[in-house]
Every structure is written in structure tokens, then in C-alpha cells.
N, C-alpha and C. Protein backbone atom coordinates (compact mmCIF):
# COMPACT_ATOMS: atom_id res chain seq x y z
N MET A 1 152.83 161.85 45.59
CA MET A 1 152.67 161.16 46.84
C MET A 1 152.56 162.17 47.96
N CYS A 2 152.60 161.75 49.20
CA CYS A 2 152.51 162.64 50.35
C CYS A 2 153.74 163.53 50.41
N SER A 3 153.53 164.78 50.71
CA SER A 3 154.65 165.69 50.81
C SER A 3 154.69 166.31 52.19
N ARG A 4 155.83 166.91 52.51
CA ARG A 4 155.96 167.58 53.81
C ARG A 4 154.95 168.70 53.91
N GLY A 5 154.47 168.90 55.12
CA GLY A 5 153.55 170.00 55.35
C GLY A 5 152.08 169.65 55.12
N THR A 6 151.80 168.47 54.62
CA THR A 6 150.41 168.11 54.39
C THR A 6 149.81 167.39 55.59
N GLY A 7 150.66 167.01 56.54
CA GLY A 7 150.16 166.25 57.68
C GLY A 7 149.92 164.80 57.30
N CYS A 8 150.43 164.40 56.15
CA CYS A 8 150.20 163.06 55.63
C CYS A 8 151.54 162.34 55.56
N SER A 9 151.61 161.17 56.14
CA SER A 9 152.81 160.36 56.06
C SER A 9 152.41 158.99 55.54
N PRO A 10 153.39 158.22 55.05
CA PRO A 10 153.04 156.89 54.56
C PRO A 10 152.31 156.05 55.60
N SER A 11 152.70 156.18 56.87
CA SER A 11 152.02 155.38 57.90
C SER A 11 150.58 155.80 58.10
N LYS A 12 150.27 157.08 57.84
CA LYS A 12 148.89 157.54 57.96
C LYS A 12 148.11 157.27 56.69
N ALA A 13 148.78 157.20 55.56
CA ALA A 13 148.10 156.97 54.30
C ALA A 13 147.62 155.53 54.18
N THR A 14 148.33 154.60 54.79
CA THR A 14 147.99 153.18 54.67
C THR A 14 146.57 152.86 55.11
N PRO A 15 146.10 153.34 56.29
CA PRO A 15 144.71 153.02 56.66
C PRO A 15 143.70 153.62 55.68
N ARG A 16 144.01 154.75 55.11
CA ARG A 16 143.09 155.39 54.16
C ARG A 16 142.98 154.55 52.91
N LEU A 17 144.11 154.08 52.41
CA LEU A 17 144.09 153.25 51.21
C LEU A 17 143.40 151.92 51.48
N THR A 18 143.71 151.31 52.62
CA THR A 18 143.07 150.05 52.98
C THR A 18 141.57 150.22 53.09
N CYS A 19 141.15 151.32 53.69
CA CYS A 19 139.72 151.60 53.84
C CYS A 19 139.05 151.71 52.48
N ASN A 20 139.66 152.42 51.56
CA ASN A 20 139.06 152.59 50.24
C ASN A 20 138.99 151.25 49.51
N ILE A 21 140.02 150.44 49.63
CA ILE A 21 140.02 149.14 48.97
C ILE A 21 138.93 148.25 49.58
N ARG A 22 138.74 148.34 50.89
CA ARG A 22 137.69 147.55 51.56
C ARG A 22 136.31 147.95 51.05
N THR A 23 136.08 149.26 50.85
CA THR A 23 134.77 149.69 50.37
C THR A 23 134.55 149.19 48.96
N SER A 24 135.58 149.21 48.13
CA SER A 24 135.46 148.70 46.75
C SER A 24 135.20 147.21 46.75
N ALA A 25 135.87 146.48 47.65
CA ALA A 25 135.67 145.03 47.72
C ALA A 25 134.25 144.69 48.16
N SER A 26 133.68 145.47 49.06
CA SER A 26 132.30 145.22 49.50
C SER A 26 131.35 145.32 48.33
N ALA A 27 131.56 146.31 47.50
CA ALA A 27 130.69 146.49 46.34
C ALA A 27 130.84 145.33 45.36
N ARG A 28 132.08 144.87 45.15
CA ARG A 28 132.30 143.76 44.23
C ARG A 28 131.72 142.46 44.76
N CYS A 29 131.77 142.27 46.07
CA CYS A 29 131.33 141.01 46.68
C CYS A 29 129.83 140.98 46.97
N SER A 30 129.13 142.05 46.67
CA SER A 30 127.73 142.13 47.05
C SER A 30 126.83 141.16 46.29
N LYS A 31 127.29 140.65 45.15
CA LYS A 31 126.55 139.65 44.38
C LYS A 31 125.15 140.13 44.00
N LEU A 32 125.05 141.39 43.64
CA LEU A 32 123.78 141.92 43.19
C LEU A 32 123.57 141.55 41.73
N ASP A 33 122.32 141.50 41.31
CA ASP A 33 122.00 141.14 39.93
C ASP A 33 122.49 142.20 38.95
N ALA A 34 122.41 143.46 39.36
CA ALA A 34 122.83 144.57 38.51
C ALA A 34 123.88 145.39 39.24
N PRO A 35 124.65 146.19 38.52
CA PRO A 35 125.62 147.06 39.20
C PRO A 35 124.91 147.94 40.22
N PHE A 36 125.54 148.11 41.37
CA PHE A 36 124.93 148.88 42.45
C PHE A 36 125.08 150.37 42.17
N ASP A 37 123.98 151.12 42.32
CA ASP A 37 123.98 152.57 42.12
C ASP A 37 123.60 153.24 43.44
N ALA A 38 124.59 153.84 44.10
CA ALA A 38 124.36 154.47 45.40
C ALA A 38 123.41 155.65 45.31
N SER A 39 123.31 156.28 44.14
CA SER A 39 122.47 157.47 44.02
C SER A 39 120.98 157.14 44.09
N THR A 40 120.62 155.88 43.87
CA THR A 40 119.20 155.52 43.92
C THR A 40 118.81 154.83 45.22
N ALA A 41 119.80 154.53 46.06
CA ALA A 41 119.51 153.81 47.30
C ALA A 41 118.96 154.76 48.36
N GLU A 42 118.00 154.26 49.10
CA GLU A 42 117.46 155.01 50.23
C GLU A 42 118.33 154.70 51.45
N ILE A 43 118.80 155.74 52.11
CA ILE A 43 119.69 155.58 53.25
C ILE A 43 118.88 155.43 54.54
N HIS A 44 119.17 154.37 55.29
CA HIS A 44 118.56 154.14 56.60
C HIS A 44 119.66 154.22 57.64
N LEU A 45 119.53 155.16 58.56
CA LEU A 45 120.54 155.34 59.60
C LEU A 45 119.96 154.91 60.94
N ASN A 46 120.27 153.69 61.35
CA ASN A 46 119.73 153.15 62.59
C ASN A 46 120.79 152.98 63.66
N GLU A 47 121.97 152.54 63.27
CA GLU A 47 123.05 152.26 64.21
C GLU A 47 123.90 153.51 64.45
N PRO A 48 124.47 153.67 65.65
CA PRO A 48 125.32 154.83 65.93
C PRO A 48 126.49 154.96 64.95
N ALA A 49 127.08 153.85 64.53
CA ALA A 49 128.21 153.90 63.59
C ALA A 49 127.76 154.42 62.22
N GLU A 50 126.55 154.08 61.80
CA GLU A 50 126.00 154.59 60.53
C GLU A 50 125.79 156.09 60.61
N ILE A 51 125.24 156.53 61.72
CA ILE A 51 124.96 157.96 61.90
C ILE A 51 126.25 158.75 61.92
N HIS A 52 127.25 158.26 62.65
CA HIS A 52 128.54 158.96 62.73
C HIS A 52 129.19 159.05 61.35
N LEU A 53 129.18 157.96 60.60
CA LEU A 53 129.77 157.95 59.25
C LEU A 53 129.03 158.92 58.34
N ALA A 54 127.72 158.92 58.38
CA ALA A 54 126.93 159.83 57.53
C ALA A 54 127.23 161.29 57.86
N ARG A 55 127.36 161.59 59.14
CA ARG A 55 127.69 162.97 59.53
C ARG A 55 129.05 163.39 59.01
N LEU A 56 130.02 162.48 59.06
CA LEU A 56 131.34 162.81 58.52
C LEU A 56 131.30 163.00 57.01
N LEU A 57 130.53 162.19 56.32
CA LEU A 57 130.42 162.33 54.86
C LEU A 57 129.84 163.70 54.49
N VAL A 58 128.85 164.14 55.24
CA VAL A 58 128.22 165.44 54.98
C VAL A 58 129.21 166.58 55.23
N ARG A 59 130.10 166.38 56.20
CA ARG A 59 131.08 167.42 56.54
C ARG A 59 132.07 167.70 55.42
N PHE A 60 132.25 166.78 54.49
CA PHE A 60 133.23 166.98 53.40
C PHE A 60 132.94 168.27 52.64
N GLY A 61 131.68 168.52 52.38
CA GLY A 61 131.29 169.74 51.67
C GLY A 61 131.57 171.01 52.46
N GLU A 62 131.62 170.88 53.77
CA GLU A 62 131.93 172.03 54.62
C GLU A 62 133.43 172.22 54.78
N VAL A 63 134.17 171.12 54.85
CA VAL A 63 135.61 171.17 55.09
C VAL A 63 136.36 171.64 53.85
N LEU A 64 135.93 171.20 52.69
CA LEU A 64 136.66 171.46 51.46
C LEU A 64 136.87 172.95 51.16
N PRO A 65 135.85 173.81 51.22
CA PRO A 65 136.10 175.23 50.95
C PRO A 65 137.10 175.85 51.93
N THR A 66 137.04 175.47 53.18
CA THR A 66 137.98 176.00 54.18
C THR A 66 139.40 175.61 53.83
N ILE A 67 139.58 174.37 53.42
CA ILE A 67 140.91 173.87 53.06
C ILE A 67 141.45 174.63 51.85
N LEU A 68 140.61 174.84 50.86
CA LEU A 68 141.04 175.51 49.63
C LEU A 68 141.29 177.00 49.86
N GLU A 69 140.46 177.64 50.66
CA GLU A 69 140.61 179.08 50.91
C GLU A 69 141.82 179.38 51.78
N ASP A 70 142.07 178.55 52.79
CA ASP A 70 143.15 178.81 53.75
C ASP A 70 144.44 178.08 53.40
N PHE A 71 144.46 177.32 52.31
CA PHE A 71 145.64 176.55 51.90
C PHE A 71 146.17 175.69 53.05
N ARG A 72 145.26 174.86 53.61
CA ARG A 72 145.61 174.01 54.74
C ARG A 72 145.32 172.55 54.42
N PRO A 73 146.20 171.92 53.63
CA PRO A 73 145.96 170.52 53.29
C PRO A 73 146.01 169.58 54.50
N ASN A 74 146.64 170.03 55.59
CA ASN A 74 146.68 169.18 56.79
C ASN A 74 145.27 168.94 57.32
N LEU A 75 144.37 169.90 57.16
CA LEU A 75 142.98 169.70 57.59
C LEU A 75 142.31 168.61 56.76
N LEU A 76 142.62 168.58 55.47
CA LEU A 76 142.07 167.53 54.60
C LEU A 76 142.63 166.17 54.99
N ALA A 77 143.93 166.11 55.26
CA ALA A 77 144.55 164.84 55.67
C ALA A 77 143.91 164.34 56.97
N ASN A 78 143.67 165.25 57.91
CA ASN A 78 143.03 164.86 59.17
C ASN A 78 141.60 164.39 58.93
N TYR A 79 140.87 165.07 58.06
CA TYR A 79 139.49 164.68 57.75
C TYR A 79 139.45 163.28 57.12
N VAL A 80 140.33 163.04 56.16
CA VAL A 80 140.35 161.75 55.47
C VAL A 80 140.70 160.63 56.45
N LEU A 81 141.64 160.89 57.34
CA LEU A 81 141.99 159.89 58.35
C LEU A 81 140.81 159.64 59.28
N GLU A 82 140.14 160.69 59.72
CA GLU A 82 138.97 160.54 60.58
C GLU A 82 137.86 159.75 59.87
N LEU A 83 137.66 160.02 58.58
CA LEU A 83 136.65 159.30 57.81
C LEU A 83 137.03 157.82 57.69
N ALA A 84 138.30 157.53 57.43
CA ALA A 84 138.74 156.13 57.32
C ALA A 84 138.53 155.40 58.64
N ARG A 85 138.83 156.05 59.74
CA ARG A 85 138.62 155.43 61.05
C ARG A 85 137.14 155.19 61.32
N ALA A 86 136.31 156.16 60.96
CA ALA A 86 134.87 156.01 61.15
C ALA A 86 134.33 154.88 60.29
N PHE A 87 134.84 154.76 59.07
CA PHE A 87 134.38 153.67 58.21
C PHE A 87 134.80 152.32 58.78
N HIS A 88 136.00 152.25 59.31
CA HIS A 88 136.46 151.00 59.90
C HIS A 88 135.54 150.59 61.05
N SER A 89 135.18 151.53 61.90
CA SER A 89 134.26 151.25 63.02
C SER A 89 132.89 150.83 62.49
N TYR A 90 132.43 151.52 61.46
CA TYR A 90 131.14 151.21 60.83
C TYR A 90 131.16 149.79 60.26
N PHE A 91 132.24 149.46 59.55
CA PHE A 91 132.35 148.16 58.89
C PHE A 91 132.37 147.03 59.92
N GLU A 92 132.98 147.28 61.08
CA GLU A 92 133.03 146.28 62.14
C GLU A 92 131.67 146.14 62.84
N ALA A 93 130.96 147.25 63.01
CA ALA A 93 129.72 147.26 63.78
C ALA A 93 128.48 146.90 62.96
N CYS A 94 128.52 147.15 61.68
CA CYS A 94 127.32 146.99 60.84
C CYS A 94 127.60 146.03 59.68
N PRO A 95 127.16 144.79 59.77
CA PRO A 95 127.36 143.85 58.66
C PRO A 95 126.70 144.39 57.38
N VAL A 96 127.47 144.45 56.33
CA VAL A 96 126.95 145.02 55.08
C VAL A 96 126.31 143.94 54.23
N LEU A 97 127.06 142.91 53.90
CA LEU A 97 126.57 141.91 52.96
C LEU A 97 125.60 140.91 53.58
N LYS A 98 125.66 140.76 54.90
CA LYS A 98 124.77 139.81 55.58
C LYS A 98 123.44 140.44 55.97
N ALA A 99 123.32 141.76 55.83
CA ALA A 99 122.09 142.45 56.22
C ALA A 99 120.99 142.17 55.20
N GLU A 100 119.76 142.22 55.67
CA GLU A 100 118.60 142.05 54.80
C GLU A 100 118.30 143.37 54.09
N GLU A 101 117.60 143.27 52.96
CA GLU A 101 117.15 144.48 52.26
C GLU A 101 116.08 145.16 53.10
N PRO A 102 115.96 146.44 53.11
CA PRO A 102 116.68 147.49 52.41
C PRO A 102 117.94 147.96 53.14
N ILE A 103 118.24 147.37 54.29
CA ILE A 103 119.41 147.78 55.06
C ILE A 103 120.71 147.52 54.28
N ARG A 104 120.77 146.38 53.58
CA ARG A 104 121.98 146.07 52.80
C ARG A 104 122.25 147.13 51.75
N SER A 105 121.23 147.54 51.02
CA SER A 105 121.42 148.58 50.00
C SER A 105 121.85 149.90 50.63
N SER A 106 121.26 150.21 51.77
CA SER A 106 121.63 151.43 52.48
C SER A 106 123.10 151.38 52.89
N ARG A 107 123.52 150.26 53.43
CA ARG A 107 124.90 150.13 53.89
C ARG A 107 125.88 150.10 52.72
N LEU A 108 125.48 149.46 51.62
CA LEU A 108 126.32 149.50 50.41
C LEU A 108 126.45 150.93 49.89
N ALA A 109 125.37 151.69 49.97
CA ALA A 109 125.42 153.09 49.54
C ALA A 109 126.39 153.88 50.41
N LEU A 110 126.36 153.65 51.72
CA LEU A 110 127.31 154.33 52.60
C LEU A 110 128.75 153.94 52.25
N CYS A 111 128.96 152.67 51.92
CA CYS A 111 130.30 152.21 51.50
C CYS A 111 130.73 152.93 50.22
N GLU A 112 129.83 153.00 49.25
CA GLU A 112 130.14 153.65 47.98
C GLU A 112 130.42 155.14 48.17
N LEU A 113 129.59 155.81 48.97
CA LEU A 113 129.79 157.23 49.21
C LEU A 113 131.10 157.49 49.97
N THR A 114 131.43 156.60 50.89
CA THR A 114 132.70 156.73 51.61
C THR A 114 133.86 156.55 50.65
N SER A 115 133.76 155.56 49.77
CA SER A 115 134.81 155.32 48.79
C SER A 115 135.02 156.54 47.89
N ARG A 116 133.95 157.10 47.40
CA ARG A 116 134.06 158.30 46.54
C ARG A 116 134.70 159.45 47.28
N THR A 117 134.29 159.66 48.52
CA THR A 117 134.81 160.77 49.31
C THR A 117 136.29 160.55 49.63
N LEU A 118 136.66 159.33 50.00
CA LEU A 118 138.07 159.04 50.26
C LEU A 118 138.91 159.23 49.00
N LYS A 119 138.43 158.73 47.87
CA LYS A 119 139.17 158.90 46.61
C LYS A 119 139.38 160.37 46.29
N GLN A 120 138.33 161.17 46.46
CA GLN A 120 138.43 162.60 46.16
C GLN A 120 139.41 163.28 47.12
N GLY A 121 139.30 162.97 48.41
CA GLY A 121 140.20 163.56 49.39
C GLY A 121 141.65 163.17 49.15
N LEU A 122 141.89 161.89 48.89
CA LEU A 122 143.25 161.42 48.62
C LEU A 122 143.79 162.00 47.31
N TYR A 123 142.93 162.12 46.31
CA TYR A 123 143.34 162.74 45.04
C TYR A 123 143.82 164.17 45.28
N LEU A 124 143.06 164.92 46.08
CA LEU A 124 143.44 166.30 46.38
C LEU A 124 144.75 166.39 47.15
N LEU A 125 145.07 165.33 47.89
CA LEU A 125 146.34 165.28 48.62
C LEU A 125 147.48 164.75 47.75
N GLY A 126 147.16 164.31 46.53
CA GLY A 126 148.18 163.81 45.62
C GLY A 126 148.51 162.34 45.83
N ILE A 127 147.56 161.59 46.40
CA ILE A 127 147.78 160.17 46.67
C ILE A 127 146.93 159.35 45.71
N GLU A 128 147.58 158.45 44.98
CA GLU A 128 146.86 157.56 44.07
C GLU A 128 146.23 156.42 44.87
N VAL A 129 145.04 156.03 44.47
CA VAL A 129 144.30 155.01 45.19
C VAL A 129 144.10 153.78 44.31
N PRO A 130 144.69 152.63 44.71
CA PRO A 130 144.46 151.40 43.94
C PRO A 130 143.07 150.84 44.23
N GLU A 131 142.51 150.13 43.28
CA GLU A 131 141.21 149.49 43.47
C GLU A 131 141.36 148.18 44.24
N ARG A 132 142.51 147.51 44.05
CA ARG A 132 142.76 146.22 44.70
C ARG A 132 144.18 146.20 45.21
N MET A 133 144.40 145.36 46.23
CA MET A 133 145.77 145.12 46.72
C MET A 133 146.14 143.70 46.42
């Protein structure tokens, strides 16, 4: 679980876990004919919230080496919290399941990519992530 010195507390971990569960629920509720594969979806970034979320997702590859080299898990905890907050704003501003294709697939892909990134970040912090609450 969260340990001292990581910058992670139970009160800060809750939004991250809730965010990951919300992204998983969106994928389950999408009612697609086949399982959704984010790797094949074309990403359309039109709304400011989509652009901000995509930029944060790209930053994970830049943040991770710094965290590992400098032994600073607090930076990872801050990144994961920032990503969870950005996803929450995105989810409020951009309807995922009500959007028409190809925007819906794009938004589902952003949800899936956010979920994967949150899971990886939380795993590195030693936090287990439930699929459902």
C-alpha cells in the first residue's frame, strides 16, 4: 500500500482508484459488438480536455525515467494524481458513450490508455487497483 515518503496517502489514492474504475466501467458499458481495442482506434483531439489528457498521457514516458533514476516516487504520485484529475475533467466535458463514431472510439481509446497508465503508475507505487467497487 502507500508508504511514507511516496507523497501518497489514502486520501490521495482514492481519486486515482475511482478514476481507474470509471475508465474500466466506460469500456464495459460501451455496448460494442466486439471487445474494444485501443491500439487500433484513431485518436481525434478536438476538445481542450481531450488535448490536455493526451498531453499528460504522453508525459508518462518522460516522467518515468526521471523517477527511476532519481528515486523520487513522490513525482510519480503527483503525476498519477494530475492524470486522474485531468481524466475527471475530460470525463465531465466530453461524453464518451453518447458521442457518435469515430469520436466515441477515440474517446474510449483515451479512457483505455488512461486506465493502463493509471494502473501502471499505481502498480509502481505499490497500490493495488480493483476493477470494480
